PDB file of all heavy atoms in Angstrom:
ATOM      1  N   PRO A   1     200.074 -59.871  89.476  1.00  0.00           N
ATOM      2  CA  PRO A   1     200.346 -58.530  88.998  1.00  0.00           C
ATOM      3  C   PRO A   1     201.000 -58.448  87.655  1.00  0.00           C
ATOM      4  O   PRO A   1     200.876 -57.494  86.953  1.00  0.00           O
ATOM      5  CB  PRO A   1     201.119 -57.911  90.074  1.00  0.00           C
ATOM      6  CG  PRO A   1     200.886 -58.786  91.327  1.00  0.00           C
ATOM      7  CD  PRO A   1     200.644 -60.121  90.758  1.00  0.00           C
ATOM      8  N   SER A   2     201.778 -59.557  87.289  1.00  0.00           N
ATOM      9  CA  SER A   2     202.514 -59.528  86.100  1.00  0.00           C
ATOM     10  C   SER A   2     201.687 -59.860  84.867  1.00  0.00           C
ATOM     11  O   SER A   2     202.110 -59.748  83.709  1.00  0.00           O
ATOM     12  CB  SER A   2     203.701 -60.531  86.158  1.00  0.00           C
ATOM     13  OG  SER A   2     203.226 -61.783  86.345  1.00  0.00           O
ATOM     14  N   ALA A   3     200.442 -60.328  85.048  1.00  0.00           N
ATOM     15  CA  ALA A   3     199.622 -60.706  83.916  1.00  0.00           C
ATOM     16  C   ALA A   3     199.337 -59.482  83.039  1.00  0.00           C
ATOM     17  O   ALA A   3     199.128 -58.413  83.525  1.00  0.00           O
ATOM     18  CB  ALA A   3     198.227 -61.300  84.435  1.00  0.00           C
ATOM     19  N   HIS A   4     199.311 -59.707  81.760  1.00  0.00           N
ATOM     20  CA  HIS A   4     199.232 -58.533  80.803  1.00  0.00           C
ATOM     21  C   HIS A   4     197.824 -57.834  80.952  1.00  0.00           C
ATOM     22  O   HIS A   4     197.787 -56.676  80.600  1.00  0.00           O
ATOM     23  CB  HIS A   4     199.435 -59.013  79.362  1.00  0.00           C
ATOM     24  CG  HIS A   4     198.207 -59.823  78.854  1.00  0.00           C
ATOM     25  ND1 HIS A   4     197.937 -61.208  79.132  1.00  0.00           N
ATOM     26  CD2 HIS A   4     197.151 -59.429  78.041  1.00  0.00           C
ATOM     27  CE1 HIS A   4     196.791 -61.521  78.558  1.00  0.00           C
ATOM     28  NE2 HIS A   4     196.368 -60.467  77.929  1.00  0.00           N
ATOM     29  N   ASP A   5     196.880 -58.517  81.439  1.00  0.00           N
ATOM     30  CA  ASP A   5     195.508 -57.877  81.549  1.00  0.00           C
ATOM     31  C   ASP A   5     195.153 -57.571  82.978  1.00  0.00           C
ATOM     32  O   ASP A   5     194.009 -57.293  83.320  1.00  0.00           O
ATOM     33  CB  ASP A   5     194.462 -58.790  80.994  1.00  0.00           C
ATOM     34  CG  ASP A   5     194.427 -60.191  81.647  1.00  0.00           C
ATOM     35  OD1 ASP A   5     195.401 -60.538  82.365  1.00  0.00           O
ATOM     36  OD2 ASP A   5     193.502 -60.916  81.406  1.00  0.00           O
ATOM     37  N   ALA A   6     196.125 -57.575  83.880  1.00  0.00           N
ATOM     38  CA  ALA A   6     195.846 -57.289  85.286  1.00  0.00           C
ATOM     39  C   ALA A   6     195.768 -55.743  85.415  1.00  0.00           C
ATOM     40  O   ALA A   6     196.754 -54.970  85.341  1.00  0.00           O
ATOM     41  CB  ALA A   6     196.989 -57.816  86.173  1.00  0.00           C
ATOM     42  N   PHE A   7     194.571 -55.286  85.753  1.00  0.00           N
ATOM     43  CA  PHE A   7     194.271 -53.847  85.786  1.00  0.00           C
ATOM     44  C   PHE A   7     193.038 -53.637  86.662  1.00  0.00           C
ATOM     45  O   PHE A   7     191.989 -54.147  86.329  1.00  0.00           O
ATOM     46  CB  PHE A   7     194.084 -53.274  84.430  1.00  0.00           C
ATOM     47  CG  PHE A   7     194.266 -51.859  84.281  1.00  0.00           C
ATOM     48  CD1 PHE A   7     195.510 -51.221  84.152  1.00  0.00           C
ATOM     49  CD2 PHE A   7     193.147 -50.932  84.386  1.00  0.00           C
ATOM     50  CE1 PHE A   7     195.735 -49.864  84.033  1.00  0.00           C
ATOM     51  CE2 PHE A   7     193.376 -49.541  84.291  1.00  0.00           C
ATOM     52  CZ  PHE A   7     194.622 -49.044  84.094  1.00  0.00           C
ATOM     53  N   ALA A   8     193.154 -52.911  87.799  1.00  0.00           N
ATOM     54  CA  ALA A   8     192.057 -52.692  88.688  1.00  0.00           C
ATOM     55  C   ALA A   8     191.496 -51.318  88.440  1.00  0.00           C
ATOM     56  O   ALA A   8     192.163 -50.389  88.072  1.00  0.00           O
ATOM     57  CB  ALA A   8     192.493 -52.807  90.138  1.00  0.00           C
ATOM     58  N   GLN A   9     190.161 -51.152  88.766  1.00  0.00           N
ATOM     59  CA  GLN A   9     189.538 -49.897  88.548  1.00  0.00           C
ATOM     60  C   GLN A   9     188.560 -49.442  89.643  1.00  0.00           C
ATOM     61  O   GLN A   9     187.648 -48.633  89.404  1.00  0.00           O
ATOM     62  CB  GLN A   9     188.659 -49.968  87.196  1.00  0.00           C
ATOM     63  CG  GLN A   9     189.426 -50.375  85.953  1.00  0.00           C
ATOM     64  CD  GLN A   9     188.544 -50.313  84.726  1.00  0.00           C
ATOM     65  OE1 GLN A   9     188.059 -49.278  84.262  1.00  0.00           O
ATOM     66  NE2 GLN A   9     188.291 -51.516  84.188  1.00  0.00           N
ATOM     67  N   VAL A  10     188.862 -49.908  90.808  1.00  0.00           N
ATOM     68  CA  VAL A  10     187.898 -49.577  91.874  1.00  0.00           C
ATOM     69  C   VAL A  10     188.672 -48.867  93.053  1.00  0.00           C
ATOM     70  O   VAL A  10     189.636 -49.401  93.533  1.00  0.00           O
ATOM     71  CB  VAL A  10     187.136 -50.844  92.415  1.00  0.00           C
ATOM     72  CG1 VAL A  10     188.113 -51.941  92.902  1.00  0.00           C
ATOM     73  CG2 VAL A  10     186.158 -50.494  93.502  1.00  0.00           C
ATOM     74  N   SER A  11     188.204 -47.699  93.407  1.00  0.00           N
ATOM     75  CA  SER A  11     188.632 -46.917  94.558  1.00  0.00           C
ATOM     76  C   SER A  11     187.543 -46.037  94.914  1.00  0.00           C
ATOM     77  O   SER A  11     186.805 -45.493  94.108  1.00  0.00           O
ATOM     78  CB  SER A  11     189.922 -46.116  94.223  1.00  0.00           C
ATOM     79  OG  SER A  11     191.015 -46.966  93.988  1.00  0.00           O
ATOM     80  N   ALA A  12     187.346 -45.771  96.223  1.00  0.00           N
ATOM     81  CA  ALA A  12     186.173 -45.093  96.625  1.00  0.00           C
ATOM     82  C   ALA A  12     186.502 -43.631  97.147  1.00  0.00           C
ATOM     83  O   ALA A  12     185.739 -42.685  96.860  1.00  0.00           O
ATOM     84  CB  ALA A  12     185.495 -45.890  97.816  1.00  0.00           C
ATOM     85  N   PHE A  13     187.536 -43.454  97.930  1.00  0.00           N
ATOM     86  CA  PHE A  13     187.780 -42.119  98.610  1.00  0.00           C
ATOM     87  C   PHE A  13     188.880 -41.417  97.787  1.00  0.00           C
ATOM     88  O   PHE A  13     190.026 -41.816  97.744  1.00  0.00           O
ATOM     89  CB  PHE A  13     188.201 -42.320 100.053  1.00  0.00           C
ATOM     90  CG  PHE A  13     188.403 -41.043 100.703  1.00  0.00           C
ATOM     91  CD1 PHE A  13     187.299 -40.437 101.443  1.00  0.00           C
ATOM     92  CD2 PHE A  13     189.594 -40.289 100.741  1.00  0.00           C
ATOM     93  CE1 PHE A  13     187.445 -39.210 102.058  1.00  0.00           C
ATOM     94  CE2 PHE A  13     189.734 -39.092 101.384  1.00  0.00           C
ATOM     95  CZ  PHE A  13     188.685 -38.600 102.071  1.00  0.00           C
ATOM     96  N   ALA A  14     188.598 -40.274  97.178  1.00  0.00           N
ATOM     97  CA  ALA A  14     187.330 -39.545  97.182  1.00  0.00           C
ATOM     98  C   ALA A  14     186.472 -39.905  95.906  1.00  0.00           C
ATOM     99  O   ALA A  14     186.979 -40.565  95.034  1.00  0.00           O
ATOM    100  CB  ALA A  14     187.568 -38.036  97.161  1.00  0.00           C
ATOM    101  N   SER A  15     185.199 -39.537  95.969  1.00  0.00           N
ATOM    102  CA  SER A  15     184.344 -39.734  94.734  1.00  0.00           C
ATOM    103  C   SER A  15     184.697 -38.773  93.607  1.00  0.00           C
ATOM    104  O   SER A  15     184.450 -37.570  93.726  1.00  0.00           O
ATOM    105  CB  SER A  15     182.902 -39.620  95.076  1.00  0.00           C
ATOM    106  OG  SER A  15     182.105 -39.639  93.967  1.00  0.00           O
ATOM    107  N   LEU A  16     185.272 -39.372  92.562  1.00  0.00           N
ATOM    108  CA  LEU A  16     185.571 -38.495  91.505  1.00  0.00           C
ATOM    109  C   LEU A  16     184.448 -38.319  90.517  1.00  0.00           C
ATOM    110  O   LEU A  16     184.453 -37.446  89.624  1.00  0.00           O
ATOM    111  CB  LEU A  16     186.759 -39.058  90.660  1.00  0.00           C
ATOM    112  CG  LEU A  16     188.113 -38.862  91.505  1.00  0.00           C
ATOM    113  CD1 LEU A  16     189.347 -38.986  90.578  1.00  0.00           C
ATOM    114  CD2 LEU A  16     188.162 -37.572  92.259  1.00  0.00           C
ATOM    115  N   HIS A  17     183.395 -39.165  90.666  1.00  0.00           N
ATOM    116  CA  HIS A  17     182.142 -38.849  89.945  1.00  0.00           C
ATOM    117  C   HIS A  17     181.639 -37.435  90.451  1.00  0.00           C
ATOM    118  O   HIS A  17     181.226 -36.607  89.650  1.00  0.00           O
ATOM    119  CB  HIS A  17     181.064 -39.920  90.247  1.00  0.00           C
ATOM    120  CG  HIS A  17     180.947 -40.942  89.135  1.00  0.00           C
ATOM    121  ND1 HIS A  17     181.909 -41.852  88.918  1.00  0.00           N
ATOM    122  CD2 HIS A  17     179.864 -41.198  88.306  1.00  0.00           C
ATOM    123  CE1 HIS A  17     181.486 -42.610  87.882  1.00  0.00           C
ATOM    124  NE2 HIS A  17     180.297 -42.223  87.508  1.00  0.00           N
ATOM    125  N   VAL A  18     181.687 -37.270  91.799  1.00  0.00           N
ATOM    126  CA  VAL A  18     181.263 -36.009  92.388  1.00  0.00           C
ATOM    127  C   VAL A  18     182.356 -34.945  92.123  1.00  0.00           C
ATOM    128  O   VAL A  18     181.952 -33.841  91.745  1.00  0.00           O
ATOM    129  CB  VAL A  18     181.061 -36.212  93.843  1.00  0.00           C
ATOM    130  CG1 VAL A  18     180.840 -34.862  94.551  1.00  0.00           C
ATOM    131  CG2 VAL A  18     179.846 -37.171  94.161  1.00  0.00           C
ATOM    132  N   GLY A  19     183.603 -35.297  92.238  1.00  0.00           N
ATOM    133  CA  GLY A  19     184.649 -34.271  92.076  1.00  0.00           C
ATOM    134  C   GLY A  19     184.627 -33.704  90.628  1.00  0.00           C
ATOM    135  O   GLY A  19     184.701 -32.510  90.433  1.00  0.00           O
ATOM    136  N   VAL A  20     184.590 -34.544  89.621  1.00  0.00           N
ATOM    137  CA  VAL A  20     184.662 -34.081  88.291  1.00  0.00           C
ATOM    138  C   VAL A  20     183.372 -33.296  87.904  1.00  0.00           C
ATOM    139  O   VAL A  20     183.365 -32.308  87.217  1.00  0.00           O
ATOM    140  CB  VAL A  20     184.852 -35.260  87.289  1.00  0.00           C
ATOM    141  CG1 VAL A  20     184.770 -34.771  85.836  1.00  0.00           C
ATOM    142  CG2 VAL A  20     186.192 -35.924  87.552  1.00  0.00           C
ATOM    143  N   THR A  21     182.247 -33.775  88.395  1.00  0.00           N
ATOM    144  CA  THR A  21     181.007 -33.150  88.188  1.00  0.00           C
ATOM    145  C   THR A  21     180.970 -31.744  88.774  1.00  0.00           C
ATOM    146  O   THR A  21     180.453 -30.774  88.230  1.00  0.00           O
ATOM    147  CB  THR A  21     179.734 -33.979  88.645  1.00  0.00           C
ATOM    148  OG1 THR A  21     179.795 -35.274  88.049  1.00  0.00           O
ATOM    149  CG2 THR A  21     178.459 -33.331  88.217  1.00  0.00           C
ATOM    150  N   THR A  22     181.586 -31.660  89.999  1.00  0.00           N
ATOM    151  CA  THR A  22     181.752 -30.346  90.550  1.00  0.00           C
ATOM    152  C   THR A  22     182.510 -29.468  89.731  1.00  0.00           C
ATOM    153  O   THR A  22     182.205 -28.174  89.599  1.00  0.00           O
ATOM    154  CB  THR A  22     182.383 -30.505  92.005  1.00  0.00           C
ATOM    155  OG1 THR A  22     181.570 -31.321  92.800  1.00  0.00           O
ATOM    156  CG2 THR A  22     182.584 -29.141  92.606  1.00  0.00           C
ATOM    157  N   VAL A  23     183.623 -29.920  89.164  1.00  0.00           N
ATOM    158  CA  VAL A  23     184.396 -29.123  88.232  1.00  0.00           C
ATOM    159  C   VAL A  23     183.551 -28.587  87.026  1.00  0.00           C
ATOM    160  O   VAL A  23     183.621 -27.477  86.730  1.00  0.00           O
ATOM    161  CB  VAL A  23     185.639 -29.876  87.652  1.00  0.00           C
ATOM    162  CG1 VAL A  23     186.259 -29.187  86.518  1.00  0.00           C
ATOM    163  CG2 VAL A  23     186.642 -30.121  88.809  1.00  0.00           C
ATOM    164  N   ILE A  24     182.730 -29.434  86.482  1.00  0.00           N
ATOM    165  CA  ILE A  24     181.906 -29.125  85.350  1.00  0.00           C
ATOM    166  C   ILE A  24     180.867 -28.011  85.731  1.00  0.00           C
ATOM    167  O   ILE A  24     180.693 -27.050  85.019  1.00  0.00           O
ATOM    168  CB  ILE A  24     181.188 -30.342  84.776  1.00  0.00           C
ATOM    169  CG1 ILE A  24     182.234 -31.302  84.228  1.00  0.00           C
ATOM    170  CG2 ILE A  24     180.175 -29.922  83.715  1.00  0.00           C
ATOM    171  CD1 ILE A  24     181.629 -32.660  83.737  1.00  0.00           C
ATOM    172  N   VAL A  25     180.306 -28.172  86.884  1.00  0.00           N
ATOM    173  CA  VAL A  25     179.327 -27.178  87.402  1.00  0.00           C
ATOM    174  C   VAL A  25     179.987 -25.837  87.582  1.00  0.00           C
ATOM    175  O   VAL A  25     179.490 -24.729  87.128  1.00  0.00           O
ATOM    176  CB  VAL A  25     178.726 -27.629  88.705  1.00  0.00           C
ATOM    177  CG1 VAL A  25     177.841 -26.503  89.350  1.00  0.00           C
ATOM    178  CG2 VAL A  25     177.770 -28.786  88.499  1.00  0.00           C
ATOM    179  N   LEU A  26     181.197 -25.792  88.288  1.00  0.00           N
ATOM    180  CA  LEU A  26     181.847 -24.583  88.519  1.00  0.00           C
ATOM    181  C   LEU A  26     182.456 -23.853  87.251  1.00  0.00           C
ATOM    182  O   LEU A  26     182.499 -22.744  87.110  1.00  0.00           O
ATOM    183  CB  LEU A  26     182.963 -24.800  89.534  1.00  0.00           C
ATOM    184  CG  LEU A  26     182.576 -25.196  90.967  1.00  0.00           C
ATOM    185  CD1 LEU A  26     183.798 -25.465  91.802  1.00  0.00           C
ATOM    186  CD2 LEU A  26     181.662 -24.161  91.561  1.00  0.00           C
ATOM    187  N   MET A  27     182.784 -24.748  86.289  1.00  0.00           N
ATOM    188  CA  MET A  27     183.234 -24.229  85.003  1.00  0.00           C
ATOM    189  C   MET A  27     182.073 -23.589  84.227  1.00  0.00           C
ATOM    190  O   MET A  27     182.237 -22.599  83.573  1.00  0.00           O
ATOM    191  CB  MET A  27     183.867 -25.342  84.134  1.00  0.00           C
ATOM    192  CG  MET A  27     185.280 -25.688  84.542  1.00  0.00           C
ATOM    193  SD  MET A  27     186.483 -24.401  84.069  1.00  0.00           S
ATOM    194  CE  MET A  27     186.638 -23.452  85.624  1.00  0.00           C
ATOM    195  N   ALA A  28     180.888 -24.193  84.348  1.00  0.00           N
ATOM    196  CA  ALA A  28     179.728 -23.575  83.706  1.00  0.00           C
ATOM    197  C   ALA A  28     179.465 -22.184  84.247  1.00  0.00           C
ATOM    198  O   ALA A  28     179.154 -21.235  83.537  1.00  0.00           O
ATOM    199  CB  ALA A  28     178.449 -24.436  83.785  1.00  0.00           C
ATOM    200  N   ALA A  29     179.622 -22.095  85.542  1.00  0.00           N
ATOM    201  CA  ALA A  29     179.430 -20.783  86.240  1.00  0.00           C
ATOM    202  C   ALA A  29     180.595 -19.862  85.808  1.00  0.00           C
ATOM    203  O   ALA A  29     180.303 -18.658  85.581  1.00  0.00           O
ATOM    204  CB  ALA A  29     179.466 -20.939  87.769  1.00  0.00           C
TER     205      ALA A  29
END
C-alpha cells in the first residue's frame, strides 16, 4: 500500500456507469 503507484480502480456495487448515465438522461429531461 505504501508504493507510490499503488492505486486500485475496480469496484462493482453500484454501477456508476449506469448511475452517471442515469443522471445525464434525467438532466436532459
